[in-house]
Amino acid sequence: MPPLVSSREQRRQQAHYPQLSKHLSEHVQKMLDSRFGQVYSARVERVQFLRGPIMTIEIATYLLYLAISVALTVWVARTLHKNGRIFLVDVFHGNEPLADSVNHLLVVGFYLINLGYVSLALKLGYTVATAQEGIEALSVKVGTVLLVLGGMHFFNLFIFSRMRRRATMHNAPPPVYPDAFTPVQEV
């Protein structure tokens, strides 16, 4: 990988470094002498770092995964909140404050479970070298999040239908008493 600065700039910086390094070394030495009374041996060494690219394919894949997963989770949660309210008001016989409270608690639980899964599933487990591998890893991760979101959605629908069934059972008319009996012969 080529250096990030030109060779002329590098020579200029290298000519300046010994002076700066010597001045810094003397300053650190004086500071340590005043505090600790020369009971140590200090040596300052100059280290040069060549910086590589900051954004790798793996980091881009992680960031895209997080952005897509969080956006999908927020979208599904808002949809559930908006449409679930009507259903819950019906289940709770028009008691809107109770329906809103239960709806809010369900959405908070939905966020916690899905964002927790997104966080746990963040690690790829293998290195990504090319853009193709990055896209493939991203599709597997986002597909898994979509399956989890779908499963959570159907779980919420199941819970809502159970709640509605119970509410309609309590409002059902009592069973009809029989008007006749069938005789039973004992053997």
C-alpha atoms as a PDB file:
ATOM      1  CA  MET A   1       0.000   0.000   0.000  1.00  0.00           C
ATOM      2  CA  PRO A   2       1.541   3.364  -0.965  1.00  0.00           C
ATOM      3  CA  PRO A   3       2.172   5.948   1.765  1.00  0.00           C
ATOM      4  CA  LEU A   4      -0.446   8.657   2.133  1.00  0.00           C
ATOM      5  CA  VAL A   5       2.053  11.577   1.988  1.00  0.00           C
ATOM      6  CA  SER A   6       4.460  12.472  -0.808  1.00  0.00           C
ATOM      7  CA  SER A   7       8.160  11.686  -0.412  1.00  0.00           C
ATOM      8  CA  ARG A   8       9.036  15.428  -0.374  1.00  0.00           C
ATOM      9  CA  GLU A   9       6.529  16.067   2.406  1.00  0.00           C
ATOM     10  CA  GLN A  10       7.817  13.008   4.243  1.00  0.00           C
ATOM     11  CA  ARG A  11      11.443  14.289   4.071  1.00  0.00           C
ATOM     12  CA  ARG A  12      10.327  17.694   5.379  1.00  0.00           C
ATOM     13  CA  GLN A  13       8.482  16.085   8.284  1.00  0.00           C
ATOM     14  CA  GLN A  14      11.415  13.786   9.064  1.00  0.00           C
ATOM     15  CA  ALA A  15      13.779  16.785   9.181  1.00  0.00           C
ATOM     16  CA  HIS A  16      11.437  18.473  11.671  1.00  0.00           C
ATOM     17  CA  TYR A  17      10.823  15.384  13.818  1.00  0.00           C
ATOM     18  CA  PRO A  18      14.245  15.183  15.528  1.00  0.00           C
ATOM     19  CA  GLN A  19      13.889  18.765  16.798  1.00  0.00           C
ATOM     20  CA  LEU A  20      10.306  18.213  17.920  1.00  0.00           C
ATOM     21  CA  SER A  21      11.148  14.835  19.400  1.00  0.00           C
ATOM     22  CA  LYS A  22      14.121  16.253  21.318  1.00  0.00           C
ATOM     23  CA  HIS A  23      12.031  19.160  22.655  1.00  0.00           C
ATOM     24  CA  LEU A  24       9.192  16.840  23.676  1.00  0.00           C
ATOM     25  CA  SER A  25      11.611  14.403  25.273  1.00  0.00           C
ATOM     26  CA  GLU A  26      13.204  17.186  27.334  1.00  0.00           C
ATOM     27  CA  HIS A  27       9.788  18.456  28.410  1.00  0.00           C
ATOM     28  CA  VAL A  28       8.634  15.007  29.513  1.00  0.00           C
ATOM     29  CA  GLN A  29      11.962  14.445  31.299  1.00  0.00           C
ATOM     30  CA  LYS A  30      11.604  17.723  33.260  1.00  0.00           C
ATOM     31  CA  MET A  31       8.018  16.924  34.173  1.00  0.00           C
ATOM     32  CA  LEU A  32       8.920  13.467  35.440  1.00  0.00           C
ATOM     33  CA  ASP A  33      12.000  14.778  37.289  1.00  0.00           C
ATOM     34  CA  SER A  34       9.941  17.318  39.171  1.00  0.00           C
ATOM     35  CA  ARG A  35       7.374  14.704  40.208  1.00  0.00           C
ATOM     36  CA  PHE A  36       9.388  11.589  40.903  1.00  0.00           C
ATOM     37  CA  GLY A  37      12.917  12.825  41.650  1.00  0.00           C
ATOM     38  CA  GLN A  38      14.837  10.953  38.915  1.00  0.00           C
ATOM     39  CA  VAL A  39      14.102   7.400  40.092  1.00  0.00           C
ATOM     40  CA  TYR A  40      13.356   6.115  36.630  1.00  0.00           C
ATOM     41  CA  SER A  41      14.816   5.792  33.193  1.00  0.00           C
ATOM     42  CA  ALA A  42      12.740   7.213  30.360  1.00  0.00           C
ATOM     43  CA  ARG A  43      13.276   6.972  26.660  1.00  0.00           C
ATOM     44  CA  VAL A  44      10.990   8.542  24.086  1.00  0.00           C
ATOM     45  CA  GLU A  45      10.717   6.807  20.765  1.00  0.00           C
ATOM     46  CA  ARG A  46       9.114   8.143  17.595  1.00  0.00           C
ATOM     47  CA  VAL A  47       6.703   5.780  15.866  1.00  0.00           C
ATOM     48  CA  GLN A  48       5.305   6.414  12.416  1.00  0.00           C
ATOM     49  CA  PHE A  49       1.924   4.958  11.446  1.00  0.00           C
ATOM     50  CA  LEU A  50       0.775   4.471   7.901  1.00  0.00           C
ATOM     51  CA  ARG A  51      -2.989   4.698   7.916  1.00  0.00           C
ATOM     52  CA  GLY A  52      -5.013   2.300   5.818  1.00  0.00           C
ATOM     53  CA  PRO A  53      -8.570   2.730   4.618  1.00  0.00           C
ATOM     54  CA  ILE A  54     -10.959   3.282   7.490  1.00  0.00           C
ATOM     55  CA  MET A  55     -14.133   1.944   5.822  1.00  0.00           C
ATOM     56  CA  THR A  56     -13.674  -1.720   4.925  1.00  0.00           C
ATOM     57  CA  ILE A  57     -16.247  -3.945   3.257  1.00  0.00           C
ATOM     58  CA  GLU A  58     -16.976  -5.614   6.612  1.00  0.00           C
ATOM     59  CA  ILE A  59     -17.674  -2.296   8.331  1.00  0.00           C
ATOM     60  CA  ALA A  60     -19.887  -1.185   5.451  1.00  0.00           C
ATOM     61  CA  THR A  61     -21.778  -4.491   5.680  1.00  0.00           C
ATOM     62  CA  TYR A  62     -22.259  -4.056   9.436  1.00  0.00           C
ATOM     63  CA  LEU A  63     -23.510  -0.489   9.036  1.00  0.00           C
ATOM     64  CA  LEU A  64     -25.906  -1.394   6.224  1.00  0.00           C
ATOM     65  CA  TYR A  65     -27.202  -4.349   8.235  1.00  0.00           C
ATOM     66  CA  LEU A  66     -27.866  -2.153  11.253  1.00  0.00           C
ATOM     67  CA  ALA A  67     -29.532   0.581   9.204  1.00  0.00           C
ATOM     68  CA  ILE A  68     -31.811  -1.799   7.294  1.00  0.00           C
ATOM     69  CA  SER A  69     -32.676  -3.904  10.347  1.00  0.00           C
ATOM     70  CA  VAL A  70     -33.508  -0.950  12.581  1.00  0.00           C
ATOM     71  CA  ALA A  71     -35.555   0.714   9.825  1.00  0.00           C
ATOM     72  CA  LEU A  72     -37.549  -2.489   9.228  1.00  0.00           C
ATOM     73  CA  THR A  73     -38.116  -2.989  12.960  1.00  0.00           C
ATOM     74  CA  VAL A  74     -39.369   0.586  13.377  1.00  0.00           C
ATOM     75  CA  TRP A  75     -41.665   0.277  10.344  1.00  0.00           C
ATOM     76  CA  VAL A  76     -43.221  -3.002  11.516  1.00  0.00           C
ATOM     77  CA  ALA A  77     -43.606  -1.702  15.087  1.00  0.00           C
ATOM     78  CA  ARG A  78     -45.383   1.465  13.894  1.00  0.00           C
ATOM     79  CA  THR A  79     -47.684  -0.582  11.691  1.00  0.00           C
ATOM     80  CA  LEU A  80     -48.517  -2.901  14.577  1.00  0.00           C
ATOM     81  CA  HIS A  81     -49.098   0.060  16.898  1.00  0.00           C
ATOM     82  CA  LYS A  82     -51.413   1.844  14.487  1.00  0.00           C
ATOM     83  CA  ASN A  83     -53.485  -1.155  13.409  1.00  0.00           C
ATOM     84  CA  GLY A  84     -53.330  -3.004  16.720  1.00  0.00           C
ATOM     85  CA  ARG A  85     -54.989  -0.119  18.557  1.00  0.00           C
ATOM     86  CA  ILE A  86     -58.290  -0.585  16.738  1.00  0.00           C
ATOM     87  CA  PHE A  87     -58.257  -4.283  17.494  1.00  0.00           C
ATOM     88  CA  LEU A  88     -57.401  -3.776  21.171  1.00  0.00           C
ATOM     89  CA  VAL A  89     -60.150  -1.167  21.636  1.00  0.00           C
ATOM     90  CA  ASP A  90     -62.606  -3.777  20.369  1.00  0.00           C
ATOM     91  CA  VAL A  91     -61.137  -6.455  22.659  1.00  0.00           C
ATOM     92  CA  PHE A  92     -61.368  -4.177  25.700  1.00  0.00           C
ATOM     93  CA  HIS A  93     -64.969  -3.122  24.868  1.00  0.00           C
ATOM     94  CA  GLY A  94     -64.200   0.499  24.055  1.00  0.00           C
ATOM     95  CA  ASN A  95     -61.868   1.105  27.018  1.00  0.00           C
ATOM     96  CA  GLU A  96     -59.412   3.235  25.024  1.00  0.00           C
ATOM     97  CA  PRO A  97     -56.950   4.075  27.833  1.00  0.00           C
ATOM     98  CA  LEU A  98     -56.495   0.372  28.625  1.00  0.00           C
ATOM     99  CA  ALA A  99     -56.190  -0.507  24.937  1.00  0.00           C
ATOM    100  CA  ASP A 100     -53.593   2.246  24.384  1.00  0.00           C
ATOM    101  CA  SER A 101     -51.615   1.116  27.409  1.00  0.00           C
ATOM    102  CA  VAL A 102     -51.552  -2.533  26.331  1.00  0.00           C
ATOM    103  CA  ASN A 103     -50.715  -1.491  22.768  1.00  0.00           C
ATOM    104  CA  HIS A 104     -47.778   0.595  23.974  1.00  0.00           C
ATOM    105  CA  LEU A 105     -46.472  -2.231  26.160  1.00  0.00           C
ATOM    106  CA  LEU A 106     -46.704  -4.682  23.248  1.00  0.00           C
ATOM    107  CA  VAL A 107     -44.759  -2.315  20.990  1.00  0.00           C
ATOM    108  CA  VAL A 108     -42.044  -1.790  23.630  1.00  0.00           C
ATOM    109  CA  GLY A 109     -41.678  -5.559  24.008  1.00  0.00           C
ATOM    110  CA  PHE A 110     -41.555  -5.902  20.223  1.00  0.00           C
ATOM    111  CA  TYR A 111     -38.729  -3.334  20.030  1.00  0.00           C
ATOM    112  CA  LEU A 112     -36.774  -4.967  22.832  1.00  0.00           C
ATOM    113  CA  ILE A 113     -36.949  -8.459  21.383  1.00  0.00           C
ATOM    114  CA  ASN A 114     -36.204  -7.488  17.785  1.00  0.00           C
ATOM    115  CA  LEU A 115     -33.443  -4.969  18.462  1.00  0.00           C
ATOM    116  CA  GLY A 116     -31.900  -7.423  20.911  1.00  0.00           C
ATOM    117  CA  TYR A 117     -31.861 -10.072  18.194  1.00  0.00           C
ATOM    118  CA  VAL A 118     -30.409  -7.608  15.676  1.00  0.00           C
ATOM    119  CA  SER A 119     -27.614  -6.805  18.144  1.00  0.00           C
ATOM    120  CA  LEU A 120     -26.870 -10.460  18.879  1.00  0.00           C
ATOM    121  CA  ALA A 121     -26.836 -11.384  15.196  1.00  0.00           C
ATOM    122  CA  LEU A 122     -24.489  -8.550  14.230  1.00  0.00           C
ATOM    123  CA  LYS A 123     -21.302 -10.633  14.203  1.00  0.00           C
ATOM    124  CA  LEU A 124     -20.626 -12.279  10.866  1.00  0.00           C
ATOM    125  CA  GLY A 125     -18.276 -15.004  12.043  1.00  0.00           C
ATOM    126  CA  TYR A 126     -16.145 -14.875   8.915  1.00  0.00           C
ATOM    127  CA  THR A 127     -14.177 -12.295   6.965  1.00  0.00           C
ATOM    128  CA  VAL A 128     -15.595 -10.499   3.964  1.00  0.00           C
ATOM    129  CA  ALA A 129     -13.034  -9.846   1.235  1.00  0.00           C
ATOM    130  CA  THR A 130     -15.097  -8.731  -1.749  1.00  0.00           C
ATOM    131  CA  ALA A 131     -18.194  -6.657  -2.357  1.00  0.00           C
ATOM    132  CA  GLN A 132     -20.034  -9.786  -3.513  1.00  0.00           C
ATOM    133  CA  GLU A 133     -19.352 -11.525  -0.200  1.00  0.00           C
ATOM    134  CA  GLY A 134     -20.489  -8.378   1.609  1.00  0.00           C
ATOM    135  CA  ILE A 135     -23.796  -8.328  -0.268  1.00  0.00           C
ATOM    136  CA  GLU A 136     -24.308 -12.051   0.348  1.00  0.00           C
ATOM    137  CA  ALA A 137     -23.622 -11.655   4.068  1.00  0.00           C
ATOM    138  CA  LEU A 138     -25.960  -8.657   4.188  1.00  0.00           C
ATOM    139  CA  SER A 139     -28.749 -10.565   2.463  1.00  0.00           C
ATOM    140  CA  VAL A 140     -28.452 -13.479   4.896  1.00  0.00           C
ATOM    141  CA  LYS A 141     -28.515 -11.148   7.895  1.00  0.00           C
ATOM    142  CA  VAL A 142     -31.436  -9.025   6.653  1.00  0.00           C
ATOM    143  CA  GLY A 143     -33.348 -12.136   5.583  1.00  0.00           C
ATOM    144  CA  THR A 144     -32.968 -13.604   9.050  1.00  0.00           C
ATOM    145  CA  VAL A 145     -34.191 -10.356  10.613  1.00  0.00           C
ATOM    146  CA  LEU A 146     -37.195 -10.381   8.270  1.00  0.00           C
ATOM    147  CA  LEU A 147     -38.040 -13.929   9.324  1.00  0.00           C
ATOM    148  CA  VAL A 148     -37.799 -12.970  12.993  1.00  0.00           C
ATOM    149  CA  LEU A 149     -39.978  -9.892  12.384  1.00  0.00           C
ATOM    150  CA  GLY A 150     -42.531 -12.040  10.562  1.00  0.00           C
ATOM    151  CA  GLY A 151     -42.530 -14.595  13.371  1.00  0.00           C
ATOM    152  CA  MET A 152     -43.034 -11.849  15.953  1.00  0.00           C
ATOM    153  CA  HIS A 153     -45.848 -10.376  13.862  1.00  0.00           C
ATOM    154  CA  PHE A 154     -47.686 -13.696  13.676  1.00  0.00           C
ATOM    155  CA  PHE A 155     -47.096 -14.255  17.388  1.00  0.00           C
ATOM    156  CA  ASN A 156     -48.710 -10.856  18.080  1.00  0.00           C
ATOM    157  CA  LEU A 157     -51.653 -11.778  15.830  1.00  0.00           C
ATOM    158  CA  PHE A 158     -52.052 -15.068  17.701  1.00  0.00           C
ATOM    159  CA  ILE A 159     -52.083 -13.256  21.053  1.00  0.00           C
ATOM    160  CA  PHE A 160     -54.594 -10.691  19.735  1.00  0.00           C
ATOM    161  CA  SER A 161     -56.909 -13.400  18.417  1.00  0.00           C
ATOM    162  CA  ARG A 162     -56.769 -15.256  21.757  1.00  0.00           C
ATOM    163  CA  MET A 163     -57.596 -12.035  23.581  1.00  0.00           C
ATOM    164  CA  ARG A 164     -60.501 -11.344  21.240  1.00  0.00           C
ATOM    165  CA  ARG A 165     -61.850 -14.892  21.551  1.00  0.00           C
ATOM    166  CA  ARG A 166     -61.819 -14.628  25.339  1.00  0.00           C
ATOM    167  CA  ALA A 167     -63.553 -11.263  25.207  1.00  0.00           C
ATOM    168  CA  THR A 168     -66.318 -12.593  22.925  1.00  0.00           C
ATOM    169  CA  MET A 169     -66.747 -15.730  25.077  1.00  0.00           C
ATOM    170  CA  HIS A 170     -67.473 -13.595  28.135  1.00  0.00           C
ATOM    171  CA  ASN A 171     -70.158 -11.678  26.240  1.00  0.00           C
ATOM    172  CA  ALA A 172     -71.775 -14.771  24.701  1.00  0.00           C
ATOM    173  CA  PRO A 173     -75.295 -15.700  25.821  1.00  0.00           C
ATOM    174  CA  PRO A 174     -75.529 -18.541  28.321  1.00  0.00           C
ATOM    175  CA  PRO A 175     -75.981 -22.020  26.890  1.00  0.00           C
ATOM    176  CA  VAL A 176     -79.534 -23.213  26.293  1.00  0.00           C
ATOM    177  CA  TYR A 177     -80.866 -25.738  28.771  1.00  0.00           C
ATOM    178  CA  PRO A 178     -82.021 -29.004  27.221  1.00  0.00           C
ATOM    179  CA  ASP A 179     -85.752 -29.548  26.941  1.00  0.00           C
ATOM    180  CA  ALA A 180     -85.581 -33.334  27.142  1.00  0.00           C
ATOM    181  CA  PHE A 181     -83.328 -36.073  28.511  1.00  0.00           C
ATOM    182  CA  THR A 182     -82.283 -39.324  26.978  1.00  0.00           C
ATOM    183  CA  PRO A 183     -82.668 -42.234  29.335  1.00  0.00           C
ATOM    184  CA  VAL A 184     -79.473 -44.167  30.049  1.00  0.00           C
ATOM    185  CA  GLN A 185     -79.654 -47.891  30.736  1.00  0.00           C
ATOM    186  CA  GLU A 186     -77.144 -49.281  33.163  1.00  0.00           C
ATOM    187  CA  VAL A 187     -75.584 -52.588  32.222  1.00  0.00           C
END
